[in-house]
C-alpha atoms as a PDB file:
ATOM      1  CA  UNK A   1     148.922  17.186   7.319  1.00  0.00           C
ATOM      2  CA  UNK A   2     145.276  16.382   6.639  1.00  0.00           C
ATOM      3  CA  UNK A   3     143.309  13.502   8.103  1.00  0.00           C
ATOM      4  CA  UNK A   4     140.053  11.861   7.057  1.00  0.00           C
ATOM      5  CA  UNK A   5     138.685  12.455  10.556  1.00  0.00           C
ATOM      6  CA  UNK A   6     139.640  13.118  14.151  1.00  0.00           C
ATOM      7  CA  UNK A   7     139.850   9.380  14.847  1.00  0.00           C
ATOM      8  CA  UNK A   8     142.093   8.769  11.841  1.00  0.00           C
ATOM      9  CA  UNK A   9     145.316  10.476  12.955  1.00  0.00           C
ATOM     10  CA  UNK A  10     147.432   7.460  12.023  1.00  0.00           C
ATOM     11  CA  UNK A  11     146.219   7.483   8.425  1.00  0.00           C
ATOM     12  CA  UNK A  12     146.841  10.909   6.934  1.00  0.00           C
ATOM     13  CA  UNK A  13     145.396  11.894   3.588  1.00  0.00           C
ATOM     14  CA  UNK A  14     148.522  12.625   1.545  1.00  0.00           C
ATOM     15  CA  UNK A  15     148.563  15.205  -1.207  1.00  0.00           C
ATOM     16  CA  UNK A  16     148.105  13.585  -4.629  1.00  0.00           C
ATOM     17  CA  UNK A  17     151.664  14.461  -5.666  1.00  0.00           C
ATOM     18  CA  UNK A  18     153.331  13.033  -2.523  1.00  0.00           C
ATOM     19  CA  UNK A  19     156.430  10.991  -3.362  1.00  0.00           C
ATOM     20  CA  UNK A  20     157.212   8.342  -0.757  1.00  0.00           C
ATOM     21  CA  UNK A  21     160.817   8.356  -1.981  1.00  0.00           C
ATOM     22  CA  UNK A  22     161.383  11.782  -0.438  1.00  0.00           C
ATOM     23  CA  UNK A  23     161.580  12.727   3.214  1.00  0.00           C
ATOM     24  CA  UNK A  24     158.515  14.969   3.118  1.00  0.00           C
ATOM     25  CA  UNK A  25     156.531  12.613   0.909  1.00  0.00           C
ATOM     26  CA  UNK A  26     157.179   9.685   3.224  1.00  0.00           C
ATOM     27  CA  UNK A  27     156.002  11.712   6.205  1.00  0.00           C
ATOM     28  CA  UNK A  28     152.887  12.891   4.339  1.00  0.00           C
ATOM     29  CA  UNK A  29     151.928   9.392   3.201  1.00  0.00           C
ATOM     30  CA  UNK A  30     152.675   7.455   6.390  1.00  0.00           C
ATOM     31  CA  UNK A  31     152.139  10.129   9.038  1.00  0.00           C
ATOM     32  CA  UNK A  32     155.377   9.389  10.861  1.00  0.00           C
ATOM     33  CA  UNK A  33     159.065  10.137  10.739  1.00  0.00           C
ATOM     34  CA  UNK A  34     161.199   8.102   8.380  1.00  0.00           C
ATOM     35  CA  UNK A  35     163.261   5.439  10.155  1.00  0.00           C
ATOM     36  CA  UNK A  36     166.611   3.971   9.174  1.00  0.00           C
ATOM     37  CA  UNK A  37     169.160   1.484  10.418  1.00  0.00           C
ATOM     38  CA  UNK A  38     172.462   3.299  10.591  1.00  0.00           C
ATOM     39  CA  UNK A  39     175.804   1.871   9.553  1.00  0.00           C
ATOM     40  CA  UNK A  40     176.352   1.164  13.252  1.00  0.00           C
ATOM     41  CA  UNK A  41     173.346  -1.190  13.311  1.00  0.00           C
ATOM     42  CA  UNK A  42     171.328   1.160  15.523  1.00  0.00           C
ATOM     43  CA  UNK A  43     167.752   2.326  14.763  1.00  0.00           C
ATOM     44  CA  UNK A  44     167.199   6.019  14.004  1.00  0.00           C
ATOM     45  CA  UNK A  45     164.340   8.303  13.095  1.00  0.00           C
ATOM     46  CA  UNK A  46     164.889  11.645  11.435  1.00  0.00           C
ATOM     47  CA  UNK A  47     163.478  15.061  12.200  1.00  0.00           C
ATOM     48  CA  UNK A  48     163.630  18.281  10.195  1.00  0.00           C
ATOM     49  CA  UNK A  49     164.832  21.399  11.977  1.00  0.00           C
ATOM     50  CA  UNK A  50     165.438  25.006  11.016  1.00  0.00           C
ATOM     51  CA  UNK A  51     167.304  27.870  12.596  1.00  0.00           C
ATOM     52  CA  UNK A  52     168.315  31.386  11.726  1.00  0.00           C
ATOM     53  CA  UNK A  53     171.610  31.084   9.884  1.00  0.00           C
ATOM     54  CA  UNK A  54     172.732  34.704   9.801  1.00  0.00           C
ATOM     55  CA  UNK A  55     173.946  34.355   6.199  1.00  0.00           C
ATOM     56  CA  UNK A  56     172.461  37.626   4.954  1.00  0.00           C
ATOM     57  CA  UNK A  57     170.297  36.794   1.920  1.00  0.00           C
ATOM     58  CA  UNK A  58     169.523  33.248   3.052  1.00  0.00           C
ATOM     59  CA  UNK A  59     168.404  33.696   6.607  1.00  0.00           C
ATOM     60  CA  UNK A  60     167.049  30.268   7.528  1.00  0.00           C
ATOM     61  CA  UNK A  61     169.168  27.120   7.622  1.00  0.00           C
ATOM     62  CA  UNK A  62     167.741  23.606   7.594  1.00  0.00           C
ATOM     63  CA  UNK A  63     169.365  20.551   9.119  1.00  0.00           C
ATOM     64  CA  UNK A  64     168.431  17.037  10.210  1.00  0.00           C
ATOM     65  CA  UNK A  65     168.314  15.554  13.692  1.00  0.00           C
ATOM     66  CA  UNK A  66     168.734  11.794  13.948  1.00  0.00           C
ATOM     67  CA  UNK A  67     167.204  10.264  17.084  1.00  0.00           C
ATOM     68  CA  UNK A  68     168.841   6.972  18.110  1.00  0.00           C
ATOM     69  CA  UNK A  69     166.420   4.524  19.698  1.00  0.00           C
ATOM     70  CA  UNK A  70     167.055   1.560  21.983  1.00  0.00           C
ATOM     71  CA  UNK A  71     167.368  -1.801  20.231  1.00  0.00           C
ATOM     72  CA  UNK A  72     164.842  -3.486  22.506  1.00  0.00           C
ATOM     73  CA  UNK A  73     162.448  -0.745  23.502  1.00  0.00           C
ATOM     74  CA  UNK A  74     161.113   2.685  22.924  1.00  0.00           C
ATOM     75  CA  UNK A  75     163.703   4.660  24.880  1.00  0.00           C
ATOM     76  CA  UNK A  76     165.691   7.417  23.222  1.00  0.00           C
ATOM     77  CA  UNK A  77     169.385   6.647  23.556  1.00  0.00           C
ATOM     78  CA  UNK A  78     170.819   9.789  21.989  1.00  0.00           C
ATOM     79  CA  UNK A  79     170.758  12.060  18.995  1.00  0.00           C
ATOM     80  CA  UNK A  80     172.997  13.581  16.343  1.00  0.00           C
ATOM     81  CA  UNK A  81     172.564  16.764  14.339  1.00  0.00           C
ATOM     82  CA  UNK A  82     173.891  17.432  10.869  1.00  0.00           C
ATOM     83  CA  UNK A  83     175.520  20.639   9.826  1.00  0.00           C
ATOM     84  CA  UNK A  84     173.313  23.064   7.912  1.00  0.00           C
ATOM     85  CA  UNK A  85     172.191  21.252   4.759  1.00  0.00           C
ATOM     86  CA  UNK A  86     169.931  23.809   3.063  1.00  0.00           C
ATOM     87  CA  UNK A  87     169.237  27.532   3.190  1.00  0.00           C
ATOM     88  CA  UNK A  88     166.052  29.401   2.419  1.00  0.00           C
ATOM     89  CA  UNK A  89     164.633  32.859   2.756  1.00  0.00           C
ATOM     90  CA  UNK A  90     161.966  31.583   5.150  1.00  0.00           C
ATOM     91  CA  UNK A  91     161.457  28.628   7.456  1.00  0.00           C
ATOM     92  CA  UNK A  92     158.908  27.192   5.011  1.00  0.00           C
ATOM     93  CA  UNK A  93     161.428  27.384   2.152  1.00  0.00           C
ATOM     94  CA  UNK A  94     164.133  25.649   4.180  1.00  0.00           C
ATOM     95  CA  UNK A  95     161.689  22.932   5.303  1.00  0.00           C
ATOM     96  CA  UNK A  96     160.519  22.398   1.717  1.00  0.00           C
ATOM     97  CA  UNK A  97     164.117  21.861   0.616  1.00  0.00           C
ATOM     98  CA  UNK A  98     164.630  19.269   3.359  1.00  0.00           C
ATOM     99  CA  UNK A  99     161.315  17.587   2.567  1.00  0.00           C
ATOM    100  CA  UNK A 100     162.321  17.232  -1.094  1.00  0.00           C
ATOM    101  CA  UNK A 101     165.443  15.293  -0.134  1.00  0.00           C
ATOM    102  CA  UNK A 102     165.418  11.676  -1.390  1.00  0.00           C
ATOM    103  CA  UNK A 103     165.360   9.069   1.382  1.00  0.00           C
ATOM    104  CA  UNK A 104     168.518   7.470  -0.033  1.00  0.00           C
ATOM    105  CA  UNK A 105     170.309  10.802   0.439  1.00  0.00           C
ATOM    106  CA  UNK A 106     169.002  11.070   4.014  1.00  0.00           C
ATOM    107  CA  UNK A 107     170.348   7.581   4.741  1.00  0.00           C
ATOM    108  CA  UNK A 108     173.742   8.556   3.305  1.00  0.00           C
ATOM    109  CA  UNK A 109     173.745  11.689   5.471  1.00  0.00           C
ATOM    110  CA  UNK A 110     172.950   9.537   8.527  1.00  0.00           C
ATOM    111  CA  UNK A 111     175.924   7.280   7.831  1.00  0.00           C
ATOM    112  CA  UNK A 112     178.197  10.287   7.203  1.00  0.00           C
ATOM    113  CA  UNK A 113     177.031  11.794  10.502  1.00  0.00           C
ATOM    114  CA  UNK A 114     177.765   8.532  12.347  1.00  0.00           C
ATOM    115  CA  UNK A 115     181.260   8.435  10.820  1.00  0.00           C
ATOM    116  CA  UNK A 116     181.876  12.073  11.756  1.00  0.00           C
ATOM    117  CA  UNK A 117     180.756  11.431  15.331  1.00  0.00           C
ATOM    118  CA  UNK A 118     183.076   8.411  15.574  1.00  0.00           C
ATOM    119  CA  UNK A 119     186.004  10.430  14.218  1.00  0.00           C
ATOM    120  CA  UNK A 120     185.308  13.224  16.712  1.00  0.00           C
ATOM    121  CA  UNK A 121     185.199  10.694  19.558  1.00  0.00           C
ATOM    122  CA  UNK A 122     188.477   9.109  18.413  1.00  0.00           C
ATOM    123  CA  UNK A 123     190.197  12.513  18.493  1.00  0.00           C
ATOM    124  CA  UNK A 124     189.347  12.849  22.174  1.00  0.00           C
ATOM    125  CA  UNK A 125     190.695   9.464  23.274  1.00  0.00           C
ATOM    126  CA  UNK A 126     193.873   9.418  25.361  1.00  0.00           C
ATOM    127  CA  UNK A 127     196.968   8.052  23.614  1.00  0.00           C
ATOM    128  CA  UNK A 128     197.486   4.306  23.806  1.00  0.00           C
ATOM    129  CA  UNK A 129     200.549   3.433  25.905  1.00  0.00           C
ATOM    130  CA  UNK A 130     203.408   1.714  24.080  1.00  0.00           C
ATOM    131  CA  UNK A 131     203.514  -1.718  25.732  1.00  0.00           C
ATOM    132  CA  UNK A 132     206.403  -2.941  23.563  1.00  0.00           C
ATOM    133  CA  UNK A 133     208.842  -0.497  25.133  1.00  0.00           C
ATOM    134  CA  UNK A 134     211.132  -1.970  27.767  1.00  0.00           C
ATOM    135  CA  UNK A 135     210.995  -0.528  31.242  1.00  0.00           C
ATOM    136  CA  UNK A 136     214.130   1.311  32.386  1.00  0.00           C
END
């Protein structure tokens, strides 16, 4: 990311072809992570992450990390990670694929991730007792 000067860190100079409708373009234009309200009504920002995938030809996987923030402050309340979303031969390739993702797609992935987390939590709940059954 380029800046006009050392005192201008909050106003990056975006590349001329930056598209604010993509994850990377938004970050280049505004100098901050994209933020969304999830389907659960909670505020999230999104980060791009990569890791070695071990898939032979495509060795670097890219995924998103959604940071959940407090409703009334700046405290981090938790986070969720997606599964691997993209694969590239290098970290730069995987990051470029994530950066090209449209913001609408990122929002949909956030909501899918929230739903998946809820479903996982529901699987681990104890069974609800049957209160309609008569006692012996």
